[in-house]
C-alpha atoms as a PDB file:
ATOM      1  CA  MET A   1      -3.065  26.651  -1.773  1.00  0.00           C
ATOM      2  CA  ARG A   2      -3.362  24.637   1.445  1.00  0.00           C
ATOM      3  CA  VAL A   3      -4.019  20.919   0.849  1.00  0.00           C
ATOM      4  CA  VAL A   4      -4.772  18.154   3.339  1.00  0.00           C
ATOM      5  CA  VAL A   5      -3.809  14.624   2.197  1.00  0.00           C
ATOM      6  CA  THR A   6      -4.799  11.557   4.223  1.00  0.00           C
ATOM      7  CA  GLY A   7      -2.744   8.399   3.981  1.00  0.00           C
ATOM      8  CA  ALA A   8       0.145  10.631   3.046  1.00  0.00           C
ATOM      9  CA  THR A   9       3.042   8.616   4.548  1.00  0.00           C
ATOM     10  CA  GLY A  10       3.491   6.204   1.652  1.00  0.00           C
ATOM     11  CA  GLY A  11       2.339   5.043  -1.751  1.00  0.00           C
ATOM     12  CA  ILE A  12      -0.008   7.248  -3.759  1.00  0.00           C
ATOM     13  CA  GLY A  13      -0.643   9.635  -0.843  1.00  0.00           C
ATOM     14  CA  GLU A  14       3.056  10.382  -0.487  1.00  0.00           C
ATOM     15  CA  ARG A  15       3.471  10.874  -4.204  1.00  0.00           C
ATOM     16  CA  ILE A  16       0.454  13.187  -4.353  1.00  0.00           C
ATOM     17  CA  SER A  17       1.989  15.152  -1.477  1.00  0.00           C
ATOM     18  CA  ARG A  18       5.304  15.385  -3.318  1.00  0.00           C
ATOM     19  CA  ARG A  19       3.640  16.600  -6.552  1.00  0.00           C
ATOM     20  CA  LEU A  20       1.706  19.205  -4.612  1.00  0.00           C
ATOM     21  CA  ALA A  21       4.954  20.388  -2.945  1.00  0.00           C
ATOM     22  CA  GLU A  22       6.692  20.538  -6.319  1.00  0.00           C
ATOM     23  CA  SER A  23       3.885  22.784  -7.523  1.00  0.00           C
ATOM     24  CA  GLY A  24       4.388  25.173  -4.625  1.00  0.00           C
ATOM     25  CA  HIS A  25       1.393  24.206  -2.517  1.00  0.00           C
ATOM     26  CA  SER A  26       1.318  23.908   1.287  1.00  0.00           C
ATOM     27  CA  VAL A  27       0.719  20.250   2.225  1.00  0.00           C
ATOM     28  CA  ILE A  28      -0.678  18.901   5.478  1.00  0.00           C
ATOM     29  CA  MET A  29       0.254  15.215   5.570  1.00  0.00           C
ATOM     30  CA  VAL A  30      -2.031  13.073   7.757  1.00  0.00           C
ATOM     31  CA  GLY A  31      -0.692   9.786   9.107  1.00  0.00           C
ATOM     32  CA  ARG A  32      -1.066   7.330  11.964  1.00  0.00           C
ATOM     33  CA  SER A  33       2.179   8.282  13.746  1.00  0.00           C
ATOM     34  CA  ALA A  34       4.580  11.179  14.011  1.00  0.00           C
ATOM     35  CA  GLU A  35       7.460   8.858  13.052  1.00  0.00           C
ATOM     36  CA  ARG A  36       5.833   7.811   9.775  1.00  0.00           C
ATOM     37  CA  ILE A  37       4.979  11.406   8.951  1.00  0.00           C
ATOM     38  CA  ASP A  38       8.543  12.573   9.681  1.00  0.00           C
ATOM     39  CA  ARG A  39      10.046   9.906   7.453  1.00  0.00           C
ATOM     40  CA  ALA A  40       7.706  10.770   4.578  1.00  0.00           C
ATOM     41  CA  ARG A  41       8.332  14.504   5.031  1.00  0.00           C
ATOM     42  CA  GLY A  42      12.053  13.825   4.982  1.00  0.00           C
ATOM     43  CA  ARG A  43      11.829  11.938   1.681  1.00  0.00           C
ATOM     44  CA  ILE A  44       9.811  14.702   0.058  1.00  0.00           C
ATOM     45  CA  ALA A  45      11.989  17.476   1.475  1.00  0.00           C
ATOM     46  CA  GLU A  46      15.084  15.755   0.084  1.00  0.00           C
ATOM     47  CA  ALA A  47      13.482  15.649  -3.395  1.00  0.00           C
ATOM     48  CA  VAL A  48      11.843  19.082  -3.113  1.00  0.00           C
ATOM     49  CA  PRO A  49      14.083  21.523  -1.177  1.00  0.00           C
ATOM     50  CA  GLY A  50      12.027  24.214   0.497  1.00  0.00           C
ATOM     51  CA  ALA A  51       8.822  22.176   0.397  1.00  0.00           C
ATOM     52  CA  ASP A  52       6.084  23.545   2.668  1.00  0.00           C
ATOM     53  CA  LEU A  53       5.101  20.453   4.600  1.00  0.00           C
ATOM     54  CA  ALA A  54       3.261  19.996   7.863  1.00  0.00           C
ATOM     55  CA  GLY A  55       2.055  16.861   9.627  1.00  0.00           C
ATOM     56  CA  GLU A  56      -1.093  15.869  11.490  1.00  0.00           C
ATOM     57  CA  VAL A  57      -1.227  12.668  13.471  1.00  0.00           C
ATOM     58  CA  SER A  58      -4.600  10.928  13.411  1.00  0.00           C
ATOM     59  CA  ASP A  59      -5.699   7.310  13.551  1.00  0.00           C
ATOM     60  CA  LEU A  60      -8.392   7.457  10.905  1.00  0.00           C
ATOM     61  CA  SER A  61      -9.954   4.247  12.111  1.00  0.00           C
ATOM     62  CA  LEU A  62     -11.170   6.074  15.210  1.00  0.00           C
ATOM     63  CA  THR A  63     -14.099   8.493  14.804  1.00  0.00           C
ATOM     64  CA  ALA A  64     -12.997  10.496  17.843  1.00  0.00           C
ATOM     65  CA  GLU A  65      -9.587  11.174  16.325  1.00  0.00           C
ATOM     66  CA  VAL A  66     -11.058  12.044  12.893  1.00  0.00           C
ATOM     67  CA  ARG A  67     -13.461  14.466  14.525  1.00  0.00           C
ATOM     68  CA  ALA A  68     -10.638  16.066  16.494  1.00  0.00           C
ATOM     69  CA  LEU A  69      -8.581  16.404  13.311  1.00  0.00           C
ATOM     70  CA  ALA A  70     -11.425  18.071  11.444  1.00  0.00           C
ATOM     71  CA  GLU A  71     -12.046  20.490  14.278  1.00  0.00           C
ATOM     72  CA  ARG A  72      -8.405  21.530  14.829  1.00  0.00           C
ATOM     73  CA  LEU A  73      -7.268  22.101  11.228  1.00  0.00           C
ATOM     74  CA  GLU A  74      -6.409  25.744  11.019  1.00  0.00           C
ATOM     75  CA  PRO A  75      -6.135  27.642   8.731  1.00  0.00           C
ATOM     76  CA  LEU A  76      -8.886  25.759   6.921  1.00  0.00           C
ATOM     77  CA  PRO A  77      -7.766  23.860   3.828  1.00  0.00           C
ATOM     78  CA  ASP A  78      -8.491  24.767   0.219  1.00  0.00           C
ATOM     79  CA  VAL A  79      -8.394  21.130  -0.819  1.00  0.00           C
ATOM     80  CA  VAL A  80      -8.841  17.820   0.976  1.00  0.00           C
ATOM     81  CA  ILE A  81      -7.706  14.595  -0.685  1.00  0.00           C
ATOM     82  CA  ASN A  82      -9.105  11.490   1.026  1.00  0.00           C
ATOM     83  CA  ASN A  83      -6.660   8.809   0.090  1.00  0.00           C
ATOM     84  CA  ALA A  84      -6.271   6.591   3.195  1.00  0.00           C
ATOM     85  CA  ALA A  85      -7.583   3.030   2.865  1.00  0.00           C
ATOM     86  CA  VAL A  86      -6.801  -0.450   4.109  1.00  0.00           C
ATOM     87  CA  ILE A  87      -7.497  -4.075   3.290  1.00  0.00           C
ATOM     88  CA  ALA A  88      -7.779  -5.884   6.611  1.00  0.00           C
ATOM     89  CA  PRO A  89      -9.119  -9.161   8.025  1.00  0.00           C
ATOM     90  CA  LEU A  90     -12.904  -9.199   8.431  1.00  0.00           C
ATOM     91  CA  ASP A  91     -12.600  -9.749  12.153  1.00  0.00           C
ATOM     92  CA  ALA A  92     -10.310  -6.740  12.644  1.00  0.00           C
ATOM     93  CA  VAL A  93     -12.063  -4.119  14.773  1.00  0.00           C
ATOM     94  CA  THR A  94     -11.096  -0.687  16.009  1.00  0.00           C
ATOM     95  CA  GLY A  95     -10.779   0.480  19.574  1.00  0.00           C
ATOM     96  CA  GLU A  96     -14.279   1.839  19.163  1.00  0.00           C
ATOM     97  CA  GLY A  97     -15.632  -1.542  18.148  1.00  0.00           C
ATOM     98  CA  ARG A  98     -16.139  -0.861  14.447  1.00  0.00           C
ATOM     99  CA  GLN A  99     -14.988  -3.092  11.606  1.00  0.00           C
ATOM    100  CA  LEU A 100     -11.587  -1.710  10.609  1.00  0.00           C
ATOM    101  CA  MET A 101     -12.172  -1.333   6.850  1.00  0.00           C
ATOM    102  CA  LEU A 102     -15.556   0.290   7.282  1.00  0.00           C
ATOM    103  CA  ALA A 103     -14.155   2.729   9.824  1.00  0.00           C
ATOM    104  CA  THR A 104     -10.973   3.690   7.922  1.00  0.00           C
ATOM    105  CA  ASN A 105     -12.175   3.612   4.336  1.00  0.00           C
ATOM    106  CA  HIS A 106     -15.683   5.047   4.683  1.00  0.00           C
ATOM    107  CA  LEU A 107     -16.532   6.476   8.075  1.00  0.00           C
ATOM    108  CA  ALA A 108     -13.305   8.504   8.259  1.00  0.00           C
ATOM    109  CA  PRO A 109     -13.957  10.576   5.121  1.00  0.00           C
ATOM    110  CA  TYR A 110     -17.650  10.764   6.086  1.00  0.00           C
ATOM    111  CA  VAL A 111     -16.768  12.453   9.356  1.00  0.00           C
ATOM    112  CA  LEU A 112     -13.808  14.493   8.118  1.00  0.00           C
ATOM    113  CA  LEU A 113     -15.551  16.048   5.133  1.00  0.00           C
ATOM    114  CA  ARG A 114     -18.890  16.629   6.860  1.00  0.00           C
ATOM    115  CA  ILE A 115     -17.242  18.561   9.695  1.00  0.00           C
ATOM    116  CA  LEU A 116     -14.909  20.495   7.383  1.00  0.00           C
ATOM    117  CA  ALA A 117     -17.773  21.404   5.095  1.00  0.00           C
ATOM    118  CA  GLN A 118     -19.628  22.861   8.062  1.00  0.00           C
ATOM    119  CA  ARG A 119     -16.560  24.806   9.161  1.00  0.00           C
ATOM    120  CA  LEU A 120     -15.861  26.086   5.618  1.00  0.00           C
ATOM    121  CA  GLY A 121     -19.325  27.553   5.250  1.00  0.00           C
ATOM    122  CA  ASP A 122     -19.354  29.796   2.180  1.00  0.00           C
ATOM    123  CA  ARG A 123     -15.634  29.462   1.413  1.00  0.00           C
ATOM    124  CA  PRO A 124     -14.557  27.678  -1.770  1.00  0.00           C
ATOM    125  CA  ALA A 125     -12.873  24.262  -1.486  1.00  0.00           C
ATOM    126  CA  ARG A 126     -12.330  21.022  -3.354  1.00  0.00           C
ATOM    127  CA  PHE A 127     -12.921  17.615  -1.796  1.00  0.00           C
ATOM    128  CA  VAL A 128     -11.379  14.671  -3.631  1.00  0.00           C
ATOM    129  CA  ILE A 129     -12.215  11.115  -2.632  1.00  0.00           C
ATOM    130  CA  VAL A 130      -9.832   8.499  -3.989  1.00  0.00           C
ATOM    131  CA  GLY A 131     -11.819   5.430  -5.047  1.00  0.00           C
ATOM    132  CA  ALA A 132     -11.413   2.287  -7.135  1.00  0.00           C
ATOM    133  CA  HIS A 133     -12.153   1.250 -10.720  1.00  0.00           C
ATOM    134  CA  PRO A 134     -15.855   1.693 -11.442  1.00  0.00           C
ATOM    135  CA  GLY A 135     -15.954  -1.354 -13.697  1.00  0.00           C
ATOM    136  CA  GLY A 136     -14.762  -3.695 -10.963  1.00  0.00           C
ATOM    137  CA  LEU A 137     -17.010  -2.046  -8.378  1.00  0.00           C
ATOM    138  CA  ARG A 138     -20.155  -2.944 -10.329  1.00  0.00           C
ATOM    139  CA  ARG A 139     -19.834  -6.469  -8.931  1.00  0.00           C
ATOM    140  CA  THR A 140     -19.595  -5.453  -5.250  1.00  0.00           C
ATOM    141  CA  PRO A 141     -22.714  -3.464  -4.313  1.00  0.00           C
ATOM    142  CA  VAL A 142     -22.940  -2.284  -0.736  1.00  0.00           C
ATOM    143  CA  ASP A 143     -25.131  -4.474   1.461  1.00  0.00           C
ATOM    144  CA  LEU A 144     -27.018  -1.768   3.352  1.00  0.00           C
ATOM    145  CA  ASP A 145     -28.212  -4.384   5.861  1.00  0.00           C
ATOM    146  CA  ASP A 146     -24.645  -5.458   6.652  1.00  0.00           C
ATOM    147  CA  LEU A 147     -22.215  -2.531   6.558  1.00  0.00           C
ATOM    148  CA  GLU A 148     -19.771  -4.320   8.835  1.00  0.00           C
ATOM    149  CA  PHE A 149     -19.540  -7.558   6.808  1.00  0.00           C
ATOM    150  CA  ARG A 150     -20.935  -9.880   9.433  1.00  0.00           C
ATOM    151  CA  ASN A 151     -22.591 -12.172   6.871  1.00  0.00           C
ATOM    152  CA  ARG A 152     -19.432 -13.681   5.443  1.00  0.00           C
ATOM    153  CA  ARG A 153     -21.229 -15.942   2.945  1.00  0.00           C
ATOM    154  CA  THR A 154     -22.308 -12.949   0.879  1.00  0.00           C
ATOM    155  CA  LEU A 155     -18.635 -12.074   0.328  1.00  0.00           C
ATOM    156  CA  GLY A 156     -17.953 -15.142  -1.786  1.00  0.00           C
ATOM    157  CA  PRO A 157     -16.873 -18.755  -1.367  1.00  0.00           C
ATOM    158  CA  VAL A 158     -13.147 -18.198  -0.826  1.00  0.00           C
ATOM    159  CA  PRO A 159     -12.444 -17.022   2.745  1.00  0.00           C
ATOM    160  CA  SER A 160      -9.039 -15.465   1.962  1.00  0.00           C
ATOM    161  CA  PHE A 161     -10.601 -13.383  -0.837  1.00  0.00           C
ATOM    162  CA  ARG A 162     -13.521 -12.058   1.206  1.00  0.00           C
ATOM    163  CA  PRO A 163     -11.602  -9.056   2.616  1.00  0.00           C
ATOM    164  CA  PHE A 164     -10.995  -7.843  -0.944  1.00  0.00           C
ATOM    165  CA  VAL A 165     -14.733  -8.045  -1.669  1.00  0.00           C
ATOM    166  CA  ALA A 166     -15.416  -6.144   1.539  1.00  0.00           C
ATOM    167  CA  TYR A 167     -12.824  -3.564   0.516  1.00  0.00           C
ATOM    168  CA  GLY A 168     -14.676  -3.149  -2.796  1.00  0.00           C
ATOM    169  CA  ARG A 169     -17.851  -2.458  -0.888  1.00  0.00           C
ATOM    170  CA  THR A 170     -16.144   0.313   1.082  1.00  0.00           C
ATOM    171  CA  LYS A 171     -14.901   1.836  -2.169  1.00  0.00           C
ATOM    172  CA  ASN A 172     -18.517   1.837  -3.431  1.00  0.00           C
ATOM    173  CA  MET A 173     -19.421   3.573  -0.188  1.00  0.00           C
ATOM    174  CA  ASN A 174     -16.864   6.238  -1.091  1.00  0.00           C
ATOM    175  CA  ALA A 175     -18.530   6.856  -4.415  1.00  0.00           C
ATOM    176  CA  MET A 176     -21.989   6.923  -2.853  1.00  0.00           C
ATOM    177  CA  PHE A 177     -20.890   9.281  -0.098  1.00  0.00           C
ATOM    178  CA  GLY A 178     -19.299  11.579  -2.694  1.00  0.00           C
ATOM    179  CA  TYR A 179     -22.497  11.830  -4.697  1.00  0.00           C
ATOM    180  CA  ALA A 180     -24.598  12.367  -1.538  1.00  0.00           C
ATOM    181  CA  LEU A 181     -22.296  15.040  -0.113  1.00  0.00           C
ATOM    182  CA  ALA A 182     -22.050  16.865  -3.462  1.00  0.00           C
ATOM    183  CA  ALA A 183     -25.846  17.059  -3.630  1.00  0.00           C
ATOM    184  CA  ARG A 184     -26.068  18.435  -0.114  1.00  0.00           C
ATOM    185  CA  LEU A 185     -23.376  21.033  -0.825  1.00  0.00           C
ATOM    186  CA  ALA A 186     -24.779  22.047  -4.228  1.00  0.00           C
ATOM    187  CA  ASP A 187     -25.564  25.568  -2.997  1.00  0.00           C
ATOM    188  CA  THR A 188     -22.077  26.108  -1.611  1.00  0.00           C
ATOM    189  CA  MET A 189     -18.692  26.755  -3.196  1.00  0.00           C
ATOM    190  CA  ILE A 190     -17.392  23.310  -2.163  1.00  0.00           C
ATOM    191  CA  THR A 191     -17.029  20.680  -4.883  1.00  0.00           C
ATOM    192  CA  VAL A 192     -16.888  16.935  -4.240  1.00  0.00           C
ATOM    193  CA  ASN A 193     -15.499  14.471  -6.788  1.00  0.00           C
ATOM    194  CA  GLY A 194     -14.220  10.905  -6.769  1.00  0.00           C
ATOM    195  CA  GLY A 195     -11.459   9.431  -8.821  1.00  0.00           C
ATOM    196  CA  HIS A 196      -9.699   6.122  -9.493  1.00  0.00           C
ATOM    197  CA  PRO A 197      -5.911   6.246  -9.466  1.00  0.00           C
ATOM    198  CA  GLY A 198      -5.504   2.896 -11.216  1.00  0.00           C
ATOM    199  CA  ILE A 199      -3.859  -0.252  -9.937  1.00  0.00           C
ATOM    200  CA  VAL A 200      -0.625   0.923  -8.368  1.00  0.00           C
ATOM    201  CA  ASP A 201       2.293  -1.036  -6.875  1.00  0.00           C
ATOM    202  CA  GLN A 202       4.090   0.062  -3.687  1.00  0.00           C
ATOM    203  CA  THR A 203       0.958   1.262  -1.915  1.00  0.00           C
ATOM    204  CA  GLY A 204       1.160  -1.230   0.973  1.00  0.00           C
ATOM    205  CA  LEU A 205      -2.591  -1.765   0.621  1.00  0.00           C
ATOM    206  CA  GLY A 206      -2.310  -5.567   0.494  1.00  0.00           C
ATOM    207  CA  ARG A 207       0.192  -6.038   3.264  1.00  0.00           C
ATOM    208  CA  ASN A 208      -2.346  -7.975   5.362  1.00  0.00           C
ATOM    209  CA  CYS A 209      -3.498 -10.237   2.584  1.00  0.00           C
ATOM    210  CA  ILE A 210      -3.239 -14.018   2.884  1.00  0.00           C
ATOM    211  CA  GLY A 211      -3.977 -17.080   0.753  1.00  0.00           C
ATOM    212  CA  LEU A 212      -5.375 -16.571  -2.747  1.00  0.00           C
ATOM    213  CA  LEU A 213      -5.675 -12.851  -2.234  1.00  0.00           C
ATOM    214  CA  ARG A 214      -1.921 -12.511  -1.563  1.00  0.00           C
ATOM    215  CA  LEU A 215      -1.267 -14.561  -4.717  1.00  0.00           C
ATOM    216  CA  PHE A 216      -3.643 -12.317  -6.672  1.00  0.00           C
ATOM    217  CA  THR A 217      -1.992  -9.121  -5.548  1.00  0.00           C
ATOM    218  CA  THR A 218       1.428 -10.552  -6.388  1.00  0.00           C
ATOM    219  CA  MET A 219       0.273 -11.548  -9.868  1.00  0.00           C
ATOM    220  CA  ILE A 220      -1.129  -8.109 -10.729  1.00  0.00           C
ATOM    221  CA  ASN A 221       1.928  -6.159  -9.524  1.00  0.00           C
ATOM    222  CA  PRO A 222       3.835  -6.510 -12.855  1.00  0.00           C
ATOM    223  CA  PHE A 223       0.877  -4.780 -14.562  1.00  0.00           C
ATOM    224  CA  ALA A 224       0.567  -2.018 -12.031  1.00  0.00           C
ATOM    225  CA  GLN A 225       1.089   1.668 -12.829  1.00  0.00           C
ATOM    226  CA  SER A 226       3.841   3.795 -11.424  1.00  0.00           C
ATOM    227  CA  LEU A 227       3.161   6.049  -8.456  1.00  0.00           C
ATOM    228  CA  ASP A 228       3.386   9.075 -10.780  1.00  0.00           C
ATOM    229  CA  GLU A 229       0.677   7.594 -12.991  1.00  0.00           C
ATOM    230  CA  GLY A 230      -1.462   6.603 -10.024  1.00  0.00           C
ATOM    231  CA  SER A 231      -1.254  10.007  -8.410  1.00  0.00           C
ATOM    232  CA  ASP A 232      -2.173  11.874 -11.632  1.00  0.00           C
ATOM    233  CA  THR A 233      -5.968  11.937 -11.483  1.00  0.00           C
ATOM    234  CA  PRO A 234      -6.241  12.870  -7.759  1.00  0.00           C
ATOM    235  CA  PHE A 235      -3.588  15.563  -8.234  1.00  0.00           C
ATOM    236  CA  TRP A 236      -5.379  16.880 -11.316  1.00  0.00           C
ATOM    237  CA  LEU A 237      -8.727  16.971  -9.520  1.00  0.00           C
ATOM    238  CA  ALA A 238      -7.116  18.928  -6.675  1.00  0.00           C
ATOM    239  CA  THR A 239      -5.256  21.517  -8.724  1.00  0.00           C
ATOM    240  CA  ALA A 240      -6.259  21.775 -12.392  1.00  0.00           C
ATOM    241  CA  PRO A 241      -8.563  24.466 -13.724  1.00  0.00           C
ATOM    242  CA  GLU A 242     -10.615  22.028 -15.818  1.00  0.00           C
ATOM    243  CA  PRO A 243     -12.551  20.351 -12.934  1.00  0.00           C
ATOM    244  CA  ALA A 244     -13.076  23.658 -11.116  1.00  0.00           C
ATOM    245  CA  GLY A 245     -16.790  24.083 -10.448  1.00  0.00           C
ATOM    246  CA  GLN A 246     -17.594  20.472 -11.357  1.00  0.00           C
ATOM    247  CA  THR A 247     -19.103  18.426  -8.568  1.00  0.00           C
ATOM    248  CA  GLY A 248     -20.705  15.041  -7.972  1.00  0.00           C
ATOM    249  CA  ARG A 249     -18.634  13.287 -10.626  1.00  0.00           C
ATOM    250  CA  TYR A 250     -16.301  10.304 -10.741  1.00  0.00           C
ATOM    251  CA  TYR A 251     -13.118  10.370 -12.810  1.00  0.00           C
ATOM    252  CA  LEU A 252     -10.896   7.841 -14.439  1.00  0.00           C
ATOM    253  CA  ARG A 253      -7.749   9.052 -16.207  1.00  0.00           C
ATOM    254  CA  ARG A 254      -9.027  12.640 -15.980  1.00  0.00           C
ATOM    255  CA  GLN A 255     -12.302  11.748 -17.651  1.00  0.00           C
ATOM    256  CA  ALA A 256     -15.696  11.797 -15.964  1.00  0.00           C
ATOM    257  CA  VAL A 257     -17.177   8.281 -16.103  1.00  0.00           C
ATOM    258  CA  PRO A 258     -20.433   6.669 -14.922  1.00  0.00           C
ATOM    259  CA  THR A 259     -20.528   4.336 -11.966  1.00  0.00           C
ATOM    260  CA  ALA A 260     -22.909   1.454 -11.331  1.00  0.00           C
ATOM    261  CA  PRO A 261     -26.619   2.210 -10.847  1.00  0.00           C
ATOM    262  CA  HIS A 262     -26.425   0.802  -7.298  1.00  0.00           C
ATOM    263  CA  THR A 263     -24.046   3.665  -6.411  1.00  0.00           C
ATOM    264  CA  THR A 264     -26.359   6.423  -7.678  1.00  0.00           C
ATOM    265  CA  ASP A 265     -29.821   5.248  -6.622  1.00  0.00           C
ATOM    266  CA  PRO A 266     -31.217   8.071  -4.422  1.00  0.00           C
ATOM    267  CA  ALA A 267     -32.869   5.737  -1.907  1.00  0.00           C
ATOM    268  CA  ARG A 268     -29.597   3.849  -1.425  1.00  0.00           C
ATOM    269  CA  LEU A 269     -27.640   7.104  -1.051  1.00  0.00           C
ATOM    270  CA  TYR A 270     -30.008   8.409   1.572  1.00  0.00           C
ATOM    271  CA  ARG A 271     -29.938   5.161   3.522  1.00  0.00           C
ATOM    272  CA  LEU A 272     -26.136   4.893   3.545  1.00  0.00           C
ATOM    273  CA  TRP A 273     -25.939   8.515   4.625  1.00  0.00           C
ATOM    274  CA  ASP A 274     -28.346   8.003   7.483  1.00  0.00           C
ATOM    275  CA  GLU A 275     -26.823   4.697   8.622  1.00  0.00           C
ATOM    276  CA  SER A 276     -23.357   6.267   8.583  1.00  0.00           C
ATOM    277  CA  ALA A 277     -24.583   9.289  10.598  1.00  0.00           C
ATOM    278  CA  ALA A 278     -25.943   6.950  13.248  1.00  0.00           C
ATOM    279  CA  LEU A 279     -22.715   4.978  13.451  1.00  0.00           C
ATOM    280  CA  VAL A 280     -20.558   8.080  14.051  1.00  0.00           C
ATOM    281  CA  GLY A 281     -23.013  10.129  16.126  1.00  0.00           C
ATOM    282  CA  LEU A 282     -23.651  12.922  13.618  1.00  0.00           C
ATOM    283  CA  PRO A 283     -27.094  14.260  12.733  1.00  0.00           C
ATOM    284  CA  ALA A 284     -28.403  13.119   9.368  1.00  0.00           C
ATOM    285  CA  ASP A 285     -29.383  16.702   8.570  1.00  0.00           C
ATOM    286  CA  VAL A 286     -26.413  18.775   7.384  1.00  0.00           C
ATOM    287  CA  SER A 287     -28.167  22.131   7.906  1.00  0.00           C
END
């Protein structure tokens, strides 16, 4: 089986890649630089002699690079695991002028999976979108009038904590996109599911945090799961027979769980889909 993993050069993404290699799958590791990919491949190859590993360089914050990645992947993958995500300052923007977290965490999988779904056609595939805990996400509904977090006051009273709230919104976008894409691909052999890996140390996700948010991430690290525990649900969704044929679901510890009503409301799903399409220059109609 050929599996694409984004954010594969460290943390959960690297551990998912290693587990896939241990199971005999071909892994395409997507990262921001060839150097980071080579280092991660070297670590996995040392632990898994003979591992079938390839690398694809793509800055997932840039729609043009994501589109190019989706269009050049060949042979087409059997599984895509969207794992890449960042917590970044609210004023961080990409070279294309988009807010960095929105671009990396939401628009990248939106573009990648839409183009790959079109290329796959009637072939079977699994799309896995790594999300966050559905309980915590209930409190951070997406503001469909402010996808790029320009109204800072709605993100809470503590400035250093606002990027974490914005990150939570992007994770809700992931869930909403997964549901919307699954519905649009219901007549195909492609399944789309989301899953929460748990709070995991050593991901590098909070490397840009400051103030109270840095203190918060430091305090929760002793309670974090191991990388093996964190990689379990995404790996299971990608490879296990049990979720085969299941689509439009969200999983926690291998169990399908509900997410907040604001992530499943059809009107909100349609609007986020259409707004995202406009931001990246794709037609809203997938036909």
